[in-house]
Amino acid sequence: MPEPVAPETPVAAPETGPGTRAPDREFTIAERSQFQLVLRRFMQHRLAVGSLVVLVLLVLLAYVGGALWKYDFGQFTPDKSDAPSLDHPFGTDAAGKDQFAQVLRGTQISLQIAVLVALFSTVVGTVWGAVAGYFGGVVDTILMRVSDLVLTLPLLAVAAMLAHNFGGSWWLISVVIAGLYWAYVSRVARGVVLSLREKEFIEAAKALGASDARIIFRHLVPNALGSIIVNATVLVALAILLETSLSYLGFGVRPPDTSLGILVSEAQTALTTRPWLFYFPGLFIILIALTINFIGDGLRDALDPQQTKVRA
């Protein structure tokens, strides 16, 4: 026969009256990586997030829409100087070219130039400034005087001269513009490296026998990326505006290709009779420049090392 089970002894509930302290509760919060913290701060910047969405839509429209659109940017149609319609959303020019196809092609070229300028300027400027800031002394003096010399050049005039002699294609225009913008990044990179090279982790790396190249590219540059990335976004907007200015003056991308600056330049004489030729490419220039600037503001707030408070 089974043994009888003894009745359970009732356990008194803990007292919670006056003078007693409730038992402590243990809360655990999952640890977030640096990327998650940055992403969380960026997502709280509504204007930057909205600008990122608009920029992505513009990129998709330019590349996917341009590939699927029924007219090519260089194709002539029998419809000349037509106002915007369902068949030609942005109208046509005097030669019968579909303005929507031309604006999409111009957006592609302008974005390609801007991205290449940002990449080239950021890489060259970061290495230049990091080397100058790390070694200091004579090396810093020589490198920064060269950078200062580039900064003193009249940007638009020099870019126009170089583009006139070596330009024509979009990638040559990108190299010309990047060759004038890298100095801005080098100043930023140098300033950040100067503040980082005296930190304890750099002293520890030197004590362990790390080479100068490893310290620069493994420790200093990654820790300076926050400020560098923000400046790279600013360079994208500046490159688009400078390319637009060069194309407007006739020193940018050359026909038969096109860009937003060329479209604005060619439409200035038709502003009163066919305003759609001027306003649509101008609107795309404004949208791209504004969205990239707002994204840069969001990245600046998200990458700010002093901002440690994150909303729930």
Protein backbone atom coordinates (compact mmCIF):
# COMPACT_ATOMS: atom_id res chain seq x y z
CA MET A 1 0.00 0.00 0.00
CA PRO A 2 1.27 3.51 -0.73
CA GLU A 3 2.54 5.46 2.23
CA PRO A 4 0.27 8.25 3.43
CA VAL A 5 1.35 11.70 2.32
CA ALA A 6 1.85 14.20 5.11
CA PRO A 7 -0.23 17.35 4.79
CA GLU A 8 1.69 20.36 3.52
CA THR A 9 2.54 23.01 6.07
CA PRO A 10 1.15 26.38 4.98
CA VAL A 11 3.79 29.00 4.37
CA ALA A 12 3.06 32.50 5.56
CA ALA A 13 3.14 35.17 2.92
CA PRO A 14 5.89 37.77 3.29
CA GLU A 15 4.86 40.80 5.22
CA THR A 16 4.42 43.93 3.19
CA GLY A 17 3.08 46.27 5.80
CA PRO A 18 4.61 49.48 7.09
CA GLY A 19 8.23 49.16 8.14
CA THR A 20 8.94 46.21 5.86
CA ARG A 21 10.86 46.29 2.57
CA ALA A 22 9.60 44.45 -0.49
CA PRO A 23 12.00 41.85 -1.87
CA ASP A 24 14.35 43.15 -4.50
CA ARG A 25 13.54 42.28 -8.08
CA GLU A 26 16.31 41.50 -10.50
CA PHE A 27 16.06 43.15 -13.91
CA THR A 28 18.27 42.12 -16.80
CA ILE A 29 18.71 44.17 -19.97
CA ALA A 30 20.22 42.67 -23.06
CA GLU A 31 23.54 44.25 -23.91
CA ARG A 32 23.49 46.28 -27.12
CA SER A 33 26.38 46.53 -29.54
CA GLN A 34 27.74 49.87 -30.67
CA PHE A 35 26.06 49.41 -34.05
CA GLN A 36 22.70 48.80 -32.39
CA LEU A 37 23.07 51.94 -30.28
CA VAL A 38 23.97 54.03 -33.32
CA LEU A 39 21.09 52.57 -35.33
CA ARG A 40 18.67 53.21 -32.46
CA ARG A 41 19.72 56.85 -32.18
CA PHE A 42 19.51 57.30 -35.93
CA MET A 43 16.00 55.82 -36.06
CA GLN A 44 14.89 58.38 -33.46
CA HIS A 45 15.88 61.17 -35.86
CA ARG A 46 12.64 61.25 -37.85
CA LEU A 47 13.79 63.79 -40.40
CA ALA A 48 16.92 61.76 -41.18
CA VAL A 49 14.93 58.52 -41.49
CA GLY A 50 12.40 60.19 -43.78
CA SER A 51 15.22 61.65 -45.87
CA LEU A 52 16.82 58.21 -46.17
CA VAL A 53 13.54 56.77 -47.42
CA VAL A 54 13.18 59.57 -49.99
CA LEU A 55 16.79 59.12 -51.16
CA VAL A 56 16.35 55.36 -51.56
CA LEU A 57 13.18 55.97 -53.59
CA LEU A 58 15.04 58.46 -55.80
CA VAL A 59 17.84 55.95 -56.40
CA LEU A 60 15.36 53.19 -57.25
CA LEU A 61 13.46 55.55 -59.54
CA ALA A 62 16.65 56.60 -61.33
CA TYR A 63 18.06 53.12 -61.93
CA VAL A 64 15.09 50.76 -61.94
CA GLY A 65 12.67 53.28 -63.43
CA GLY A 66 15.21 54.35 -66.02
CA ALA A 67 15.71 50.74 -67.13
CA LEU A 68 11.98 50.04 -67.35
CA TRP A 69 10.84 53.34 -68.87
CA LYS A 70 9.65 53.08 -72.47
CA TYR A 71 11.81 55.96 -73.71
CA ASP A 72 15.59 56.21 -73.70
CA PHE A 73 17.22 59.47 -72.64
CA GLY A 74 18.69 59.98 -76.11
CA GLN A 75 15.65 58.85 -78.07
CA PHE A 76 13.80 61.33 -80.29
CA THR A 77 10.01 61.24 -80.39
CA PRO A 78 7.56 63.00 -82.72
CA ASP A 79 6.20 64.93 -79.71
CA LYS A 80 8.16 68.20 -79.51
CA SER A 81 7.85 70.78 -76.74
CA ASP A 82 4.90 68.94 -75.24
CA ALA A 83 3.72 69.83 -71.75
CA PRO A 84 3.67 67.11 -69.05
CA SER A 85 1.14 64.37 -69.83
CA LEU A 86 0.53 60.70 -69.11
CA ASP A 87 2.74 59.71 -72.02
CA HIS A 88 5.48 62.18 -71.05
CA PRO A 89 5.22 62.89 -67.27
CA PHE A 90 7.89 65.60 -67.41
CA GLY A 91 7.07 66.79 -70.95
CA THR A 92 9.44 66.88 -73.91
CA ASP A 93 12.03 69.33 -75.19
CA ALA A 94 12.25 71.08 -78.56
CA ALA A 95 14.02 68.07 -80.11
CA GLY A 96 11.32 65.65 -78.95
CA LYS A 97 13.35 63.96 -76.19
CA ASP A 98 11.37 62.65 -73.23
CA GLN A 99 12.28 64.83 -70.25
CA PHE A 100 11.45 62.14 -67.70
CA ALA A 101 14.02 59.77 -69.26
CA GLN A 102 16.60 62.56 -69.34
CA VAL A 103 16.03 63.50 -65.69
CA LEU A 104 16.43 59.86 -64.65
CA ARG A 105 19.67 59.59 -66.61
CA GLY A 106 20.89 62.88 -65.19
CA THR A 107 20.12 61.65 -61.67
CA GLN A 108 22.13 58.50 -62.31
CA ILE A 109 25.18 60.46 -63.48
CA SER A 110 24.96 62.99 -60.64
CA LEU A 111 24.66 60.25 -58.01
CA GLN A 112 27.55 58.27 -59.50
CA ILE A 113 29.77 61.35 -59.46
CA ALA A 114 28.77 62.19 -55.89
CA VAL A 115 29.41 58.68 -54.54
CA LEU A 116 32.77 58.35 -56.28
CA VAL A 117 33.85 61.78 -55.02
CA ALA A 118 32.85 60.86 -51.46
CA LEU A 119 34.70 57.52 -51.57
CA PHE A 120 37.89 58.87 -53.16
CA SER A 121 38.02 62.00 -50.99
CA THR A 122 37.30 60.06 -47.81
CA VAL A 123 39.94 57.39 -48.41
CA VAL A 124 42.69 59.81 -49.44
CA GLY A 125 41.81 62.43 -46.85
CA THR A 126 41.53 59.91 -44.01
CA VAL A 127 44.92 58.30 -44.71
CA TRP A 128 46.56 61.72 -45.22
CA GLY A 129 45.17 63.19 -42.02
CA ALA A 130 45.72 60.06 -39.92
CA VAL A 131 49.39 59.82 -40.92
CA ALA A 132 49.92 63.53 -40.22
CA GLY A 133 48.19 63.41 -36.85
CA TYR A 134 49.91 60.23 -35.69
CA PHE A 135 53.53 61.11 -36.54
CA GLY A 136 53.32 64.84 -35.87
CA GLY A 137 56.42 67.01 -36.14
CA VAL A 138 57.92 67.52 -39.58
CA VAL A 139 55.63 64.95 -41.20
CA ASP A 140 52.55 66.73 -39.86
CA THR A 141 53.85 70.12 -40.96
CA ILE A 142 54.62 69.05 -44.54
CA LEU A 143 51.38 67.10 -45.07
CA MET A 144 49.16 69.78 -43.59
CA ARG A 145 50.80 72.58 -45.55
CA VAL A 146 50.00 70.67 -48.74
CA SER A 147 46.43 70.25 -47.50
CA ASP A 148 46.21 73.96 -46.68
CA LEU A 149 47.45 74.80 -50.17
CA VAL A 150 44.63 72.76 -51.71
CA LEU A 151 42.11 74.45 -49.42
CA THR A 152 43.20 77.91 -50.54
CA LEU A 153 42.54 77.17 -54.23
CA PRO A 154 39.41 78.77 -55.75
CA LEU A 155 37.36 75.60 -55.98
CA LEU A 156 35.02 76.33 -58.86
CA ALA A 157 37.67 78.03 -61.03
CA VAL A 158 40.24 75.26 -60.61
CA ALA A 159 37.62 72.55 -61.10
CA ALA A 160 36.41 74.24 -64.29
CA MET A 161 39.96 74.51 -65.66
CA LEU A 162 40.81 70.88 -64.86
CA ALA A 163 37.48 69.60 -66.13
CA HIS A 164 37.91 71.54 -69.38
CA ASN A 165 41.33 69.95 -69.99
CA PHE A 166 40.78 66.45 -68.60
CA GLY A 167 37.02 66.09 -68.17
CA GLY A 168 34.21 64.95 -70.37
CA SER A 169 33.20 61.63 -68.84
CA TRP A 170 31.54 61.36 -65.45
CA TRP A 171 34.39 59.47 -63.78
CA LEU A 172 36.98 62.04 -64.88
CA ILE A 173 34.78 64.78 -63.46
CA SER A 174 34.62 62.74 -60.23
CA VAL A 175 38.42 62.54 -60.02
CA VAL A 176 38.75 66.29 -60.61
CA ILE A 177 36.25 67.16 -57.87
CA ALA A 178 37.66 64.58 -55.43
CA GLY A 179 41.15 65.98 -55.99
CA LEU A 180 39.92 69.26 -54.51
CA TYR A 181 37.73 67.91 -51.69
CA TRP A 182 40.04 65.41 -49.97
CA ALA A 183 41.78 68.19 -48.03
CA TYR A 184 38.60 68.88 -46.03
CA VAL A 185 38.50 65.28 -44.83
CA SER A 186 42.21 65.30 -43.99
CA ARG A 187 41.72 68.18 -41.55
CA VAL A 188 38.92 66.34 -39.79
CA ALA A 189 40.85 63.05 -39.64
CA ARG A 190 43.98 64.79 -38.30
CA GLY A 191 42.05 66.51 -35.53
CA VAL A 192 40.45 63.28 -34.34
CA VAL A 193 43.72 61.33 -34.51
CA LEU A 194 45.53 64.01 -32.49
CA SER A 195 43.07 63.45 -29.65
CA LEU A 196 43.22 59.66 -29.92
CA ARG A 197 46.96 59.04 -30.16
CA GLU A 198 47.48 59.88 -26.47
CA LYS A 199 44.85 57.40 -25.27
CA GLU A 200 45.76 54.38 -23.14
CA PHE A 201 44.88 51.80 -25.79
CA ILE A 202 47.37 53.38 -28.21
CA GLU A 203 50.09 53.28 -25.54
CA ALA A 204 49.20 49.64 -24.88
CA ALA A 205 49.44 48.81 -28.60
CA LYS A 206 52.89 50.42 -28.76
CA ALA A 207 54.01 48.50 -25.67
CA LEU A 208 52.93 45.24 -27.29
CA GLY A 209 55.09 45.99 -30.31
CA ALA A 210 52.40 46.96 -32.84
CA SER A 211 53.76 48.67 -35.96
CA ASP A 212 52.86 52.23 -36.86
CA ALA A 213 50.76 51.06 -39.82
CA ARG A 214 48.80 48.67 -37.62
CA ILE A 215 48.16 51.35 -35.01
CA ILE A 216 46.96 53.82 -37.66
CA PHE A 217 44.71 51.49 -39.67
CA ARG A 218 43.67 49.07 -36.91
CA HIS A 219 43.13 51.42 -33.98
CA LEU A 220 43.08 55.09 -34.95
CA VAL A 221 41.12 55.12 -38.21
CA PRO A 222 38.26 52.85 -36.95
CA ASN A 223 37.81 55.05 -33.88
CA ALA A 224 37.72 58.18 -36.05
CA LEU A 225 35.13 56.81 -38.48
CA GLY A 226 32.21 58.57 -36.80
CA SER A 227 33.33 62.08 -37.73
CA ILE A 228 34.67 60.89 -41.09
CA ILE A 229 31.37 59.28 -42.13
CA VAL A 230 29.47 62.45 -41.31
CA ASN A 231 31.84 64.49 -43.47
CA ALA A 232 31.50 61.93 -46.27
CA THR A 233 27.74 62.54 -46.41
CA VAL A 234 28.37 66.28 -46.62
CA LEU A 235 30.79 65.67 -49.49
CA VAL A 236 28.08 63.83 -51.42
CA ALA A 237 25.84 66.90 -51.34
CA LEU A 238 28.72 69.27 -52.14
CA ALA A 239 29.84 67.10 -55.06
CA ILE A 240 26.36 67.15 -56.58
CA LEU A 241 26.18 70.93 -56.30
CA LEU A 242 29.69 71.41 -57.74
CA GLU A 243 29.00 69.01 -60.63
CA THR A 244 25.78 70.91 -61.29
CA SER A 245 27.70 74.19 -61.36
CA LEU A 246 30.35 72.80 -63.71
CA SER A 247 27.74 71.35 -66.07
CA TYR A 248 25.79 74.61 -65.93
CA LEU A 249 28.92 76.48 -67.02
CA GLY A 250 29.67 73.95 -69.74
CA PHE A 251 32.68 72.28 -68.05
CA GLY A 252 30.97 69.16 -66.73
CA VAL A 253 29.66 66.03 -68.39
CA ARG A 254 29.56 66.42 -72.13
CA PRO A 255 26.92 65.31 -74.65
CA PRO A 256 25.65 62.87 -75.78
CA ASP A 257 25.49 61.99 -72.07
CA THR A 258 23.63 64.25 -69.69
CA SER A 259 23.39 65.28 -66.04
CA LEU A 260 21.03 67.34 -63.93
CA GLY A 261 23.30 70.36 -64.30
CA ILE A 262 23.26 70.11 -68.09
CA LEU A 263 19.47 69.85 -68.12
CA VAL A 264 19.13 72.97 -65.97
CA SER A 265 21.64 74.83 -68.12
CA GLU A 266 19.92 73.94 -71.39
CA ALA A 267 16.48 74.85 -70.03
CA GLN A 268 17.29 78.34 -68.74
CA THR A 269 16.34 79.96 -72.06
CA ALA A 270 12.98 78.16 -72.04
CA LEU A 271 12.05 79.06 -68.48
CA THR A 272 9.09 81.24 -69.47
CA THR A 273 7.82 79.14 -72.39
CA ARG A 274 8.54 75.57 -71.24
CA PRO A 275 9.15 75.77 -67.49
CA TRP A 276 8.89 72.01 -67.00
CA LEU A 277 12.29 71.61 -68.65
CA PHE A 278 13.86 73.69 -65.87
CA TYR A 279 11.89 72.87 -62.74
CA PHE A 280 11.93 69.05 -62.81
CA PRO A 281 15.74 68.59 -62.91
CA GLY A 282 16.08 71.47 -60.45
CA LEU A 283 13.65 69.73 -58.10
CA PHE A 284 15.70 66.52 -58.23
CA ILE A 285 18.89 68.45 -57.41
CA ILE A 286 17.22 70.06 -54.39
CA LEU A 287 15.76 66.76 -53.18
CA ILE A 288 19.08 64.92 -53.39
CA ALA A 289 21.06 67.70 -51.69
CA LEU A 290 18.52 68.19 -48.88
CA THR A 291 18.02 64.49 -48.14
CA ILE A 292 21.77 63.84 -47.94
CA ASN A 293 22.27 66.82 -45.63
CA PHE A 294 19.48 65.64 -43.31
CA ILE A 295 20.94 62.12 -43.31
CA GLY A 296 24.28 63.64 -42.34
CA ASP A 297 22.62 65.45 -39.43
CA GLY A 298 21.09 62.20 -38.26
CA LEU A 299 24.42 60.38 -38.46
CA ARG A 300 26.10 63.20 -36.55
CA ASP A 301 23.63 62.83 -33.69
CA ALA A 302 23.78 59.02 -33.77
CA LEU A 303 27.58 58.84 -33.79
CA ASP A 304 28.04 61.50 -31.10
CA PRO A 305 30.07 59.74 -28.35
CA GLN A 306 28.71 62.14 -25.73
CA GLN A 307 25.14 61.02 -26.42
CA THR A 308 24.75 57.97 -24.17
CA LYS A 309 21.09 58.32 -23.26
CA VAL A 310 18.84 56.18 -25.44
CA ARG A 311 15.07 56.32 -25.29
CA ALA A 312 13.18 53.18 -24.49
